[in-house]
Amino acid sequence: AETERVGFGVRLFGLPVGVMATAINTEGPYYAAASQFR
C-alpha cells in the first residue's frame, strides 16, 4: 500500500527534458521502492 509518491520535472539549461517519479512504501522495519524516468 503506497505511502509516498513524488514527481519531478527535469530541466537542462532551463528547458524541460523529462519527468521522473518515486514511489516508496514502508511497513514495519521494511521498505519497497520503485522509480522511473523518461
PDB file of all heavy atoms in Angstrom:
ATOM      1  N   ALA A   1       0.861  -1.190   0.000  1.00  0.00           N
ATOM      2  CA  ALA A   1       0.000   0.000   0.000  1.00  0.00           C
ATOM      3  C   ALA A   1       0.891   1.230   0.000  1.00  0.00           C
ATOM      4  O   ALA A   1       1.703   1.425   0.884  1.00  0.00           O
ATOM      5  CB  ALA A   1      -0.900  -0.012   1.226  1.00  0.00           C
ATOM      6  N   GLU A   2       0.738   2.046  -1.001  1.00  0.00           N
ATOM      7  CA  GLU A   2       1.663   3.156  -1.220  1.00  0.00           C
ATOM      8  C   GLU A   2       1.529   4.222  -0.141  1.00  0.00           C
ATOM      9  O   GLU A   2       0.440   4.578   0.279  1.00  0.00           O
ATOM     10  CB  GLU A   2       1.383   3.770  -2.581  1.00  0.00           C
ATOM     11  CG  GLU A   2       2.323   4.897  -2.948  1.00  0.00           C
ATOM     12  CD  GLU A   2       1.944   5.477  -4.284  1.00  0.00           C
ATOM     13  OE1 GLU A   2       1.688   4.704  -5.211  1.00  0.00           O
ATOM     14  OE2 GLU A   2       1.879   6.714  -4.374  1.00  0.00           O
ATOM     15  N   THR A   3       2.648   4.737   0.323  1.00  0.00           N
ATOM     16  CA  THR A   3       2.633   5.781   1.324  1.00  0.00           C
ATOM     17  C   THR A   3       3.242   7.091   0.839  1.00  0.00           C
ATOM     18  O   THR A   3       2.967   8.128   1.405  1.00  0.00           O
ATOM     19  CB  THR A   3       3.400   5.338   2.590  1.00  0.00           C
ATOM     20  OG1 THR A   3       4.747   5.031   2.239  1.00  0.00           O
ATOM     21  CG2 THR A   3       2.750   4.121   3.211  1.00  0.00           C
ATOM     22  N   GLU A   4       4.056   7.049  -0.180  1.00  0.00           N
ATOM     23  CA  GLU A   4       4.657   8.289  -0.690  1.00  0.00           C
ATOM     24  C   GLU A   4       4.907   8.167  -2.180  1.00  0.00           C
ATOM     25  O   GLU A   4       5.511   7.209  -2.639  1.00  0.00           O
ATOM     26  CB  GLU A   4       5.980   8.604   0.022  1.00  0.00           C
ATOM     27  CG  GLU A   4       6.624   9.891  -0.476  1.00  0.00           C
ATOM     28  CD  GLU A   4       7.960  10.184   0.199  1.00  0.00           C
ATOM     29  OE1 GLU A   4       8.162   9.715   1.334  1.00  0.00           O
ATOM     30  OE2 GLU A   4       8.796  10.869  -0.420  1.00  0.00           O
ATOM     31  N   ARG A   5       4.426   9.155  -2.929  1.00  0.00           N
ATOM     32  CA  ARG A   5       4.685   9.232  -4.369  1.00  0.00           C
ATOM     33  C   ARG A   5       5.051  10.673  -4.688  1.00  0.00           C
ATOM     34  O   ARG A   5       4.312  11.595  -4.333  1.00  0.00           O
ATOM     35  CB  ARG A   5       3.455   8.811  -5.161  1.00  0.00           C
ATOM     36  CG  ARG A   5       3.656   8.860  -6.682  1.00  0.00           C
ATOM     37  CD  ARG A   5       2.338   8.698  -7.394  1.00  0.00           C
ATOM     38  NE  ARG A   5       1.782   7.373  -7.202  1.00  0.00           N
ATOM     39  CZ  ARG A   5       1.739   6.445  -8.158  1.00  0.00           C
ATOM     40  NH1 ARG A   5       2.210   6.706  -9.358  1.00  0.00           N
ATOM     41  NH2 ARG A   5       1.209   5.264  -7.919  1.00  0.00           N
ATOM     42  N   VAL A   6       6.173  10.868  -5.329  1.00  0.00           N
ATOM     43  CA  VAL A   6       6.652  12.216  -5.645  1.00  0.00           C
ATOM     44  C   VAL A   6       7.076  12.263  -7.105  1.00  0.00           C
ATOM     45  O   VAL A   6       7.777  11.363  -7.582  1.00  0.00           O
ATOM     46  CB  VAL A   6       7.841  12.626  -4.750  1.00  0.00           C
ATOM     47  CG1 VAL A   6       8.306  14.045  -5.104  1.00  0.00           C
ATOM     48  CG2 VAL A   6       7.464  12.537  -3.275  1.00  0.00           C
ATOM     49  N   GLY A   7       6.646  13.317  -7.826  1.00  0.00           N
ATOM     50  CA  GLY A   7       7.035  13.510  -9.214  1.00  0.00           C
ATOM     51  C   GLY A   7       7.929  14.729  -9.365  1.00  0.00           C
ATOM     52  O   GLY A   7       7.843  15.686  -8.586  1.00  0.00           O
ATOM     53  N   PHE A   8       8.794  14.693 -10.362  1.00  0.00           N
ATOM     54  CA  PHE A   8       9.712  15.800 -10.635  1.00  0.00           C
ATOM     55  C   PHE A   8       9.723  16.114 -12.116  1.00  0.00           C
ATOM     56  O   PHE A   8       9.682  15.215 -12.957  1.00  0.00           O
ATOM     57  CB  PHE A   8      11.147  15.453 -10.216  1.00  0.00           C
ATOM     58  CG  PHE A   8      11.320  15.202  -8.754  1.00  0.00           C
ATOM     59  CD1 PHE A   8      11.193  13.927  -8.237  1.00  0.00           C
ATOM     60  CD2 PHE A   8      11.603  16.244  -7.887  1.00  0.00           C
ATOM     61  CE1 PHE A   8      11.350  13.688  -6.888  1.00  0.00           C
ATOM     62  CE2 PHE A   8      11.764  16.020  -6.539  1.00  0.00           C
ATOM     63  CZ  PHE A   8      11.627  14.735  -6.031  1.00  0.00           C
ATOM     64  N   GLY A   9       9.808  17.407 -12.435  1.00  0.00           N
ATOM     65  CA  GLY A   9      10.112  17.836 -13.782  1.00  0.00           C
ATOM     66  C   GLY A   9      11.614  18.010 -13.887  1.00  0.00           C
ATOM     67  O   GLY A   9      12.251  18.531 -12.969  1.00  0.00           O
ATOM     68  N   VAL A  10      12.213  17.531 -14.975  1.00  0.00           N
ATOM     69  CA  VAL A  10      13.668  17.581 -15.150  1.00  0.00           C
ATOM     70  C   VAL A  10      13.992  18.611 -16.227  1.00  0.00           C
ATOM     71  O   VAL A  10      13.418  18.578 -17.322  1.00  0.00           O
ATOM     72  CB  VAL A  10      14.224  16.201 -15.545  1.00  0.00           C
ATOM     73  CG1 VAL A  10      15.747  16.248 -15.647  1.00  0.00           C
ATOM     74  CG2 VAL A  10      13.777  15.142 -14.541  1.00  0.00           C
ATOM     75  N   ARG A  11      14.909  19.538 -15.907  1.00  0.00           N
ATOM     76  CA  ARG A  11      15.255  20.616 -16.829  1.00  0.00           C
ATOM     77  C   ARG A  11      16.763  20.674 -17.058  1.00  0.00           C
ATOM     78  O   ARG A  11      17.540  20.519 -16.120  1.00  0.00           O
ATOM     79  CB  ARG A  11      14.778  21.976 -16.293  1.00  0.00           C
ATOM     80  CG  ARG A  11      13.258  22.106 -16.267  1.00  0.00           C
ATOM     81  CD  ARG A  11      12.800  23.429 -15.668  1.00  0.00           C
ATOM     82  NE  ARG A  11      11.374  23.617 -15.828  1.00  0.00           N
ATOM     83  CZ  ARG A  11      10.803  24.220 -16.862  1.00  0.00           C
ATOM     84  NH1 ARG A  11      11.575  24.745 -17.812  1.00  0.00           N
ATOM     85  NH2 ARG A  11       9.500  24.333 -16.955  1.00  0.00           N
ATOM     86  N   LEU A  12      17.157  20.896 -18.294  1.00  0.00           N
ATOM     87  CA  LEU A  12      18.549  21.072 -18.684  1.00  0.00           C
ATOM     88  C   LEU A  12      18.666  22.414 -19.383  1.00  0.00           C
ATOM     89  O   LEU A  12      17.926  22.673 -20.328  1.00  0.00           O
ATOM     90  CB  LEU A  12      18.998  19.933 -19.603  1.00  0.00           C
ATOM     91  CG  LEU A  12      20.419  20.015 -20.165  1.00  0.00           C
ATOM     92  CD1 LEU A  12      21.447  19.910 -19.042  1.00  0.00           C
ATOM     93  CD2 LEU A  12      20.642  18.906 -21.196  1.00  0.00           C
ATOM     94  N   PHE A  13      19.564  23.280 -18.908  1.00  0.00           N
ATOM     95  CA  PHE A  13      19.676  24.646 -19.421  1.00  0.00           C
ATOM     96  C   PHE A  13      18.336  25.366 -19.351  1.00  0.00           C
ATOM     97  O   PHE A  13      17.999  26.174 -20.216  1.00  0.00           O
ATOM     98  CB  PHE A  13      20.190  24.658 -20.864  1.00  0.00           C
ATOM     99  CG  PHE A  13      21.547  24.042 -21.034  1.00  0.00           C
ATOM    100  CD1 PHE A  13      21.715  22.925 -21.826  1.00  0.00           C
ATOM    101  CD2 PHE A  13      22.655  24.570 -20.390  1.00  0.00           C
ATOM    102  CE1 PHE A  13      22.957  22.346 -21.989  1.00  0.00           C
ATOM    103  CE2 PHE A  13      23.904  23.997 -20.547  1.00  0.00           C
ATOM    104  CZ  PHE A  13      24.058  22.895 -21.344  1.00  0.00           C
ATOM    105  N   GLY A  14      17.525  25.046 -18.350  1.00  0.00           N
ATOM    106  CA  GLY A  14      16.238  25.691 -18.158  1.00  0.00           C
ATOM    107  C   GLY A  14      15.118  25.144 -19.010  1.00  0.00           C
ATOM    108  O   GLY A  14      13.973  25.576 -18.878  1.00  0.00           O
ATOM    109  N   LEU A  15      15.424  24.186 -19.905  1.00  0.00           N
ATOM    110  CA  LEU A  15      14.412  23.626 -20.799  1.00  0.00           C
ATOM    111  C   LEU A  15      13.948  22.268 -20.273  1.00  0.00           C
ATOM    112  O   LEU A  15      14.762  21.455 -19.821  1.00  0.00           O
ATOM    113  CB  LEU A  15      14.984  23.450 -22.208  1.00  0.00           C
ATOM    114  CG  LEU A  15      15.490  24.735 -22.886  1.00  0.00           C
ATOM    115  CD1 LEU A  15      16.140  24.384 -24.214  1.00  0.00           C
ATOM    116  CD2 LEU A  15      14.347  25.723 -23.080  1.00  0.00           C
ATOM    117  N   PRO A  16      12.637  21.973 -20.335  1.00  0.00           N
ATOM    118  CA  PRO A  16      12.148  20.679 -19.858  1.00  0.00           C
ATOM    119  C   PRO A  16      12.655  19.539 -20.738  1.00  0.00           C
ATOM    120  O   PRO A  16      12.577  19.612 -21.963  1.00  0.00           O
ATOM    121  CB  PRO A  16      10.629  20.832 -19.927  1.00  0.00           C
ATOM    122  CG  PRO A  16      10.395  21.900 -20.943  1.00  0.00           C
ATOM    123  CD  PRO A  16      11.541  22.849 -20.816  1.00  0.00           C
ATOM    124  N   VAL A  17      13.188  18.496 -20.109  1.00  0.00           N
ATOM    125  CA  VAL A  17      13.716  17.360 -20.866  1.00  0.00           C
ATOM    126  C   VAL A  17      13.069  16.035 -20.461  1.00  0.00           C
ATOM    127  O   VAL A  17      13.197  15.048 -21.178  1.00  0.00           O
ATOM    128  CB  VAL A  17      15.246  17.237 -20.714  1.00  0.00           C
ATOM    129  CG1 VAL A  17      15.934  18.438 -21.318  1.00  0.00           C
ATOM    130  CG2 VAL A  17      15.634  17.049 -19.252  1.00  0.00           C
ATOM    131  N   GLY A  18      12.378  15.988 -19.312  1.00  0.00           N
ATOM    132  CA  GLY A  18      11.800  14.718 -18.910  1.00  0.00           C
ATOM    133  C   GLY A  18      11.001  14.816 -17.636  1.00  0.00           C
ATOM    134  O   GLY A  18      10.874  15.891 -17.035  1.00  0.00           O
ATOM    135  N   VAL A  19      10.443  13.687 -17.247  1.00  0.00           N
ATOM    136  CA  VAL A  19       9.699  13.594 -15.995  1.00  0.00           C
ATOM    137  C   VAL A  19      10.198  12.383 -15.228  1.00  0.00           C
ATOM    138  O   VAL A  19      10.663  11.400 -15.798  1.00  0.00           O
ATOM    139  CB  VAL A  19       8.173  13.470 -16.238  1.00  0.00           C
ATOM    140  CG1 VAL A  19       7.630  14.740 -16.854  1.00  0.00           C
ATOM    141  CG2 VAL A  19       7.864  12.258 -17.105  1.00  0.00           C
ATOM    142  N   MET A  20      10.079  12.481 -13.912  1.00  0.00           N
ATOM    143  CA  MET A  20      10.569  11.430 -13.054  1.00  0.00           C
ATOM    144  C   MET A  20       9.691  11.336 -11.821  1.00  0.00           C
ATOM    145  O   MET A  20       9.102  12.319 -11.396  1.00  0.00           O
ATOM    146  CB  MET A  20      12.017  11.747 -12.661  1.00  0.00           C
ATOM    147  CG  MET A  20      12.727  10.658 -11.934  1.00  0.00           C
ATOM    148  SD  MET A  20      14.464  11.089 -11.796  1.00  0.00           S
ATOM    149  CE  MET A  20      15.125   9.507 -11.311  1.00  0.00           C
ATOM    150  N   ALA A  21       9.578  10.140 -11.251  1.00  0.00           N
ATOM    151  CA  ALA A  21       8.770   9.970 -10.044  1.00  0.00           C
ATOM    152  C   ALA A  21       9.342   8.859  -9.184  1.00  0.00           C
ATOM    153  O   ALA A  21      10.034   7.966  -9.682  1.00  0.00           O
ATOM    154  CB  ALA A  21       7.319   9.670 -10.397  1.00  0.00           C
ATOM    155  N   THR A  22       9.070   8.919  -7.892  1.00  0.00           N
ATOM    156  CA  THR A  22       9.430   7.847  -6.970  1.00  0.00           C
ATOM    157  C   THR A  22       8.187   7.390  -6.223  1.00  0.00           C
ATOM    158  O   THR A  22       7.264   8.170  -5.996  1.00  0.00           O
ATOM    159  CB  THR A  22      10.469   8.305  -5.928  1.00  0.00           C
ATOM    160  OG1 THR A  22       9.933   9.385  -5.161  1.00  0.00           O
ATOM    161  CG2 THR A  22      11.760   8.732  -6.598  1.00  0.00           C
ATOM    162  N   ALA A  23       8.155   6.131  -5.860  1.00  0.00           N
ATOM    163  CA  ALA A  23       7.096   5.594  -5.005  1.00  0.00           C
ATOM    164  C   ALA A  23       7.760   4.760  -3.924  1.00  0.00           C
ATOM    165  O   ALA A  23       8.613   3.925  -4.216  1.00  0.00           O
ATOM    166  CB  ALA A  23       6.123   4.744  -5.806  1.00  0.00           C
ATOM    167  N   ILE A  24       7.406   5.014  -2.664  1.00  0.00           N
ATOM    168  CA  ILE A  24       8.034   4.339  -1.536  1.00  0.00           C
ATOM    169  C   ILE A  24       6.960   3.850  -0.583  1.00  0.00           C
ATOM    170  O   ILE A  24       5.991   4.551  -0.310  1.00  0.00           O
ATOM    171  CB  ILE A  24       8.963   5.293  -0.750  1.00  0.00           C
ATOM    172  CG1 ILE A  24       9.872   6.087  -1.673  1.00  0.00           C
ATOM    173  CG2 ILE A  24       9.785   4.515   0.276  1.00  0.00           C
ATOM    174  CD1 ILE A  24      10.554   7.243  -0.967  1.00  0.00           C
ATOM    175  N   ASN A  25       7.135   2.647  -0.067  1.00  0.00           N
ATOM    176  CA  ASN A  25       6.269   2.141   0.992  1.00  0.00           C
ATOM    177  C   ASN A  25       7.126   1.548   2.084  1.00  0.00           C
ATOM    178  O   ASN A  25       8.108   0.858   1.809  1.00  0.00           O
ATOM    179  CB  ASN A  25       5.310   1.069   0.466  1.00  0.00           C
ATOM    180  CG  ASN A  25       4.396   0.545   1.561  1.00  0.00           C
ATOM    181  OD1 ASN A  25       4.745  -0.374   2.280  1.00  0.00           O
ATOM    182  ND2 ASN A  25       3.240   1.156   1.692  1.00  0.00           N
ATOM    183  N   THR A  26       6.791   1.848   3.329  1.00  0.00           N
ATOM    184  CA  THR A  26       7.447   1.221   4.458  1.00  0.00           C
ATOM    185  C   THR A  26       6.401   0.481   5.283  1.00  0.00           C
ATOM    186  O   THR A  26       5.279   0.961   5.461  1.00  0.00           O
ATOM    187  CB  THR A  26       8.166   2.255   5.348  1.00  0.00           C
ATOM    188  OG1 THR A  26       7.223   3.248   5.776  1.00  0.00           O
ATOM    189  CG2 THR A  26       9.297   2.920   4.590  1.00  0.00           C
ATOM    190  N   GLU A  27       6.763  -0.690   5.751  1.00  0.00           N
ATOM    191  CA  GLU A  27       5.871  -1.494   6.571  1.00  0.00           C
ATOM    192  C   GLU A  27       6.716  -2.176   7.637  1.00  0.00           C
ATOM    193  O   GLU A  27       7.547  -3.043   7.327  1.00  0.00           O
ATOM    194  CB  GLU A  27       5.134  -2.523   5.722  1.00  0.00           C
ATOM    195  CG  GLU A  27       4.113  -3.337   6.506  1.00  0.00           C
ATOM    196  CD  GLU A  27       3.250  -4.165   5.583  1.00  0.00           C
ATOM    197  OE1 GLU A  27       2.632  -3.590   4.671  1.00  0.00           O
ATOM    198  OE2 GLU A  27       3.224  -5.390   5.771  1.00  0.00           O
ATOM    199  N   GLY A  28       6.528  -1.743   8.893  1.00  0.00           N
ATOM    200  CA  GLY A  28       7.394  -2.242   9.949  1.00  0.00           C
ATOM    201  C   GLY A  28       8.823  -1.836   9.669  1.00  0.00           C
ATOM    202  O   GLY A  28       9.092  -0.683   9.317  1.00  0.00           O
ATOM    203  N   PRO A  29       9.784  -2.763   9.756  1.00  0.00           N
ATOM    204  CA  PRO A  29      11.184  -2.401   9.523  1.00  0.00           C
ATOM    205  C   PRO A  29      11.597  -2.481   8.061  1.00  0.00           C
ATOM    206  O   PRO A  29      12.777  -2.317   7.749  1.00  0.00           O
ATOM    207  CB  PRO A  29      11.942  -3.449  10.338  1.00  0.00           C
ATOM    208  CG  PRO A  29      11.070  -4.662  10.232  1.00  0.00           C
ATOM    209  CD  PRO A  29       9.639  -4.144  10.241  1.00  0.00           C
ATOM    210  N   TYR A  30      10.643  -2.713   7.144  1.00  0.00           N
ATOM    211  CA  TYR A  30      10.982  -2.948   5.751  1.00  0.00           C
ATOM    212  C   TYR A  30      10.465  -1.835   4.838  1.00  0.00           C
ATOM    213  O   TYR A  30       9.509  -1.138   5.164  1.00  0.00           O
ATOM    214  CB  TYR A  30      10.394  -4.283   5.281  1.00  0.00           C
ATOM    215  CG  TYR A  30      10.859  -5.447   6.099  1.00  0.00           C
ATOM    216  CD1 TYR A  30      10.031  -5.990   7.085  1.00  0.00           C
ATOM    217  CD2 TYR A  30      12.121  -6.003   5.915  1.00  0.00           C
ATOM    218  CE1 TYR A  30      10.456  -7.068   7.858  1.00  0.00           C
ATOM    219  CE2 TYR A  30      12.551  -7.074   6.680  1.00  0.00           C
ATOM    220  CZ  TYR A  30      11.722  -7.599   7.655  1.00  0.00           C
ATOM    221  OH  TYR A  30      12.151  -8.646   8.416  1.00  0.00           O
ATOM    222  N   TYR A  31      11.134  -1.686   3.689  1.00  0.00           N
ATOM    223  CA  TYR A  31      10.678  -0.735   2.679  1.00  0.00           C
ATOM    224  C   TYR A  31      10.708  -1.411   1.308  1.00  0.00           C
ATOM    225  O   TYR A  31      11.446  -2.377   1.070  1.00  0.00           O
ATOM    226  CB  TYR A  31      11.558   0.525   2.661  1.00  0.00           C
ATOM    227  CG  TYR A  31      12.876   0.334   1.939  1.00  0.00           C
ATOM    228  CD1 TYR A  31      12.995   0.621   0.580  1.00  0.00           C
ATOM    229  CD2 TYR A  31      14.002  -0.152   2.604  1.00  0.00           C
ATOM    230  CE1 TYR A  31      14.191   0.435  -0.091  1.00  0.00           C
ATOM    231  CE2 TYR A  31      15.200  -0.341   1.951  1.00  0.00           C
ATOM    232  CZ  TYR A  31      15.296  -0.052   0.601  1.00  0.00           C
ATOM    233  OH  TYR A  31      16.478  -0.256  -0.069  1.00  0.00           O
ATOM    234  N   ALA A  32       9.906  -0.882   0.388  1.00  0.00           N
ATOM    235  CA  ALA A  32       9.961  -1.255  -1.027  1.00  0.00           C
ATOM    236  C   ALA A  32       9.786   0.032  -1.822  1.00  0.00           C
ATOM    237  O   ALA A  32       8.982   0.887  -1.461  1.00  0.00           O
ATOM    238  CB  ALA A  32       8.861  -2.256  -1.383  1.00  0.00           C
ATOM    239  N   ALA A  33      10.555   0.197  -2.876  1.00  0.00           N
ATOM    240  CA  ALA A  33      10.511   1.444  -3.650  1.00  0.00           C
ATOM    241  C   ALA A  33      10.737   1.157  -5.121  1.00  0.00           C
ATOM    242  O   ALA A  33      11.381   0.170  -5.490  1.00  0.00           O
ATOM    243  CB  ALA A  33      11.583   2.414  -3.144  1.00  0.00           C
ATOM    244  N   ALA A  34      10.192   2.016  -5.960  1.00  0.00           N
ATOM    245  CA  ALA A  34      10.404   1.921  -7.400  1.00  0.00           C
ATOM    246  C   ALA A  34      10.487   3.319  -7.977  1.00  0.00           C
ATOM    247  O   ALA A  34       9.953   4.277  -7.416  1.00  0.00           O
ATOM    248  CB  ALA A  34       9.267   1.138  -8.069  1.00  0.00           C
ATOM    249  N   SER A  35      11.168   3.457  -9.110  1.00  0.00           N
ATOM    250  CA  SER A  35      11.296   4.761  -9.761  1.00  0.00           C
ATOM    251  C   SER A  35      11.367   4.580 -11.261  1.00  0.00           C
ATOM    252  O   SER A  35      11.720   3.513 -11.763  1.00  0.00           O
ATOM    253  CB  SER A  35      12.543   5.495  -9.264  1.00  0.00           C
ATOM    254  OG  SER A  35      13.709   4.838  -9.724  1.00  0.00           O
ATOM    255  N   GLN A  36      11.038   5.651 -11.971  1.00  0.00           N
ATOM    256  CA  GLN A  36      11.089   5.637 -13.426  1.00  0.00           C
ATOM    257  C   GLN A  36      11.369   7.036 -13.938  1.00  0.00           C
ATOM    258  O   GLN A  36      10.888   8.023 -13.381  1.00  0.00           O
ATOM    259  CB  GLN A  36       9.770   5.120 -14.000  1.00  0.00           C
ATOM    260  CG  GLN A  36       9.786   4.913 -15.507  1.00  0.00           C
ATOM    261  CD  GLN A  36       8.474   4.372 -16.010  1.00  0.00           C
ATOM    262  OE1 GLN A  36       7.519   5.110 -16.208  1.00  0.00           O
ATOM    263  NE2 GLN A  36       8.409   3.065 -16.199  1.00  0.00           N
ATOM    264  N   PHE A  37      12.162   7.127 -15.003  1.00  0.00           N
ATOM    265  CA  PHE A  37      12.415   8.393 -15.699  1.00  0.00           C
ATOM    266  C   PHE A  37      12.228   8.173 -17.186  1.00  0.00           C
ATOM    267  O   PHE A  37      12.561   7.104 -17.713  1.00  0.00           O
ATOM    268  CB  PHE A  37      13.831   8.900 -15.460  1.00  0.00           C
ATOM    269  CG  PHE A  37      14.208  10.031 -16.385  1.00  0.00           C
ATOM    270  CD1 PHE A  37      13.814  11.328 -16.112  1.00  0.00           C
ATOM    271  CD2 PHE A  37      14.921   9.778 -17.554  1.00  0.00           C
ATOM    272  CE1 PHE A  37      14.129  12.371 -16.981  1.00  0.00           C
ATOM    273  CE2 PHE A  37      15.236  10.814 -18.426  1.00  0.00           C
ATOM    274  CZ  PHE A  37      14.846  12.111 -18.132  1.00  0.00           C
ATOM    275  N   ARG A  38      11.704   9.192 -17.872  1.00  0.00           N
ATOM    276  CA  ARG A  38      11.630   9.156 -19.332  1.00  0.00           C
ATOM    277  C   ARG A  38      11.743  10.569 -19.871  1.00  0.00           C
ATOM    278  O   ARG A  38      11.307  11.526 -19.248  1.00  0.00           O
ATOM    279  CB  ARG A  38      10.318   8.518 -19.803  1.00  0.00           C
ATOM    280  CG  ARG A  38       9.074   9.250 -19.357  1.00  0.00           C
ATOM    281  CD  ARG A  38       7.803   8.557 -19.820  1.00  0.00           C
ATOM    282  NE  ARG A  38       6.610   9.170 -19.289  1.00  0.00           N
ATOM    283  CZ  ARG A  38       6.012  10.236 -19.827  1.00  0.00           C
ATOM    284  NH1 ARG A  38       6.519  10.796 -20.910  1.00  0.00           N
ATOM    285  NH2 ARG A  38       4.916  10.741 -19.279  1.00  0.00           N
TER     286      ARG A  38
END
